[in-house]
Amino acid sequence: MEYSVEELKNALIERCEKEGILYATVAMDRRTKEMILPDTLEGALKHPEYFVCTCRRVKDQYIVEEITKVESSSNLLLLFFFFYSPNSPSKS
């Protein structure tokens, strides 16, 4: 069974709310709602069973936007699974 995009978005928003996450870029398995740690954004986008998106908190709500392509001119390595929370430990 494959979850709908709305179900995946809701699962991500719930996790962000629960953990106080302000920004996340993730790939989610459409069959399990599992958040995946792929090697690259391009690789995740090529995988048909992944829903790739960002989730960010704006004021008192979360906005989820699907990522469908990567600019080919970018040669940067991406740290793909990224969560930012004000409760995250600092690196100082």
Protein backbone atom coordinates (compact mmCIF):
# COMPACT_ATOMS: atom_id res chain seq x y z
CA MET A 1 0.00 0.00 0.00
CA GLU A 2 1.24 3.45 -0.86
CA TYR A 3 0.37 6.47 1.30
CA SER A 4 -1.03 9.58 -0.39
CA VAL A 5 1.00 12.78 -0.58
CA GLU A 6 -1.34 14.39 1.97
CA GLU A 7 -0.79 11.53 4.44
CA LEU A 8 2.98 11.86 4.03
CA LYS A 9 2.81 15.64 4.52
CA ASN A 10 0.70 15.22 7.64
CA ALA A 11 3.13 12.65 9.09
CA LEU A 12 6.05 15.03 8.53
CA ILE A 13 4.20 17.99 10.05
CA GLU A 14 3.30 15.88 13.10
CA ARG A 15 6.95 14.94 13.61
CA CYS A 16 8.12 18.53 13.19
CA GLU A 17 5.52 19.76 15.68
CA LYS A 18 6.36 17.02 18.18
CA GLU A 19 10.12 17.66 18.02
CA GLY A 20 10.01 21.45 17.65
CA ILE A 21 11.67 21.32 14.23
CA LEU A 22 11.67 24.60 12.30
CA TYR A 23 13.05 23.33 8.96
CA ALA A 24 13.52 19.88 7.45
CA THR A 25 14.52 18.48 4.06
CA VAL A 26 13.62 14.80 3.83
CA ALA A 27 12.80 11.85 1.62
CA MET A 28 9.92 9.69 2.80
CA ASP A 29 9.17 6.16 1.68
CA ARG A 30 5.68 6.27 0.16
CA ARG A 31 4.94 2.74 1.44
CA THR A 32 6.00 3.09 5.07
CA LYS A 33 6.20 6.85 5.89
CA GLU A 34 9.80 6.15 6.94
CA MET A 35 12.19 9.09 6.64
CA ILE A 36 15.14 8.06 4.47
CA LEU A 37 18.79 9.17 4.57
CA PRO A 38 19.79 8.99 0.88
CA ASP A 39 23.32 9.78 -0.30
CA THR A 40 22.23 12.60 -2.63
CA LEU A 41 19.16 14.65 -3.43
CA GLU A 42 19.40 13.59 -7.07
CA GLY A 43 19.42 9.92 -6.05
CA ALA A 44 16.35 10.36 -3.89
CA LEU A 45 14.49 12.13 -6.68
CA LYS A 46 15.19 9.22 -9.05
CA HIS A 47 13.71 6.73 -6.60
CA PRO A 48 10.01 6.32 -7.50
CA GLU A 49 9.01 5.24 -4.00
CA TYR A 50 10.33 8.40 -2.31
CA PHE A 51 8.43 11.61 -1.64
CA VAL A 52 11.08 14.34 -1.38
CA CYS A 53 10.15 17.60 0.31
CA THR A 54 10.94 20.45 2.64
CA CYS A 55 8.93 21.34 5.69
CA ARG A 56 9.28 24.72 7.36
CA ARG A 57 7.51 26.51 10.15
CA VAL A 58 6.10 29.92 9.26
CA LYS A 59 4.58 31.71 12.24
CA ASP A 60 2.21 29.14 13.75
CA GLN A 61 1.90 26.69 10.84
CA TYR A 62 4.04 24.30 8.82
CA ILE A 63 4.40 24.48 5.05
CA VAL A 64 5.44 21.35 3.12
CA GLU A 65 6.75 21.74 -0.43
CA GLU A 66 7.63 18.87 -2.72
CA ILE A 67 11.04 18.89 -4.39
CA THR A 68 10.87 17.61 -7.95
CA LYS A 69 14.23 18.55 -9.48
CA VAL A 70 17.77 19.64 -8.68
CA GLU A 71 19.50 22.40 -10.61
CA SER A 72 22.09 20.63 -12.77
CA SER A 73 24.59 23.48 -12.39
CA SER A 74 24.99 22.73 -8.70
CA ASN A 75 27.99 20.56 -7.87
CA LEU A 76 27.59 20.85 -4.12
CA LEU A 77 27.32 17.82 -1.90
CA LEU A 78 24.13 17.99 0.07
CA LEU A 79 23.58 16.92 3.61
CA PHE A 80 20.20 15.62 2.69
CA PHE A 81 18.40 14.83 5.91
CA PHE A 82 18.44 18.12 7.76
CA PHE A 83 16.44 19.14 10.78
CA TYR A 84 16.79 22.46 12.51
CA SER A 85 15.30 22.91 15.94
CA PRO A 86 16.02 25.63 18.49
CA ASN A 87 16.43 22.78 20.97
CA SER A 88 19.25 21.21 18.95
CA PRO A 89 22.59 21.09 20.78
CA SER A 90 24.98 23.82 19.66
CA LYS A 91 28.44 23.07 18.32
CA SER A 92 30.23 25.57 20.54
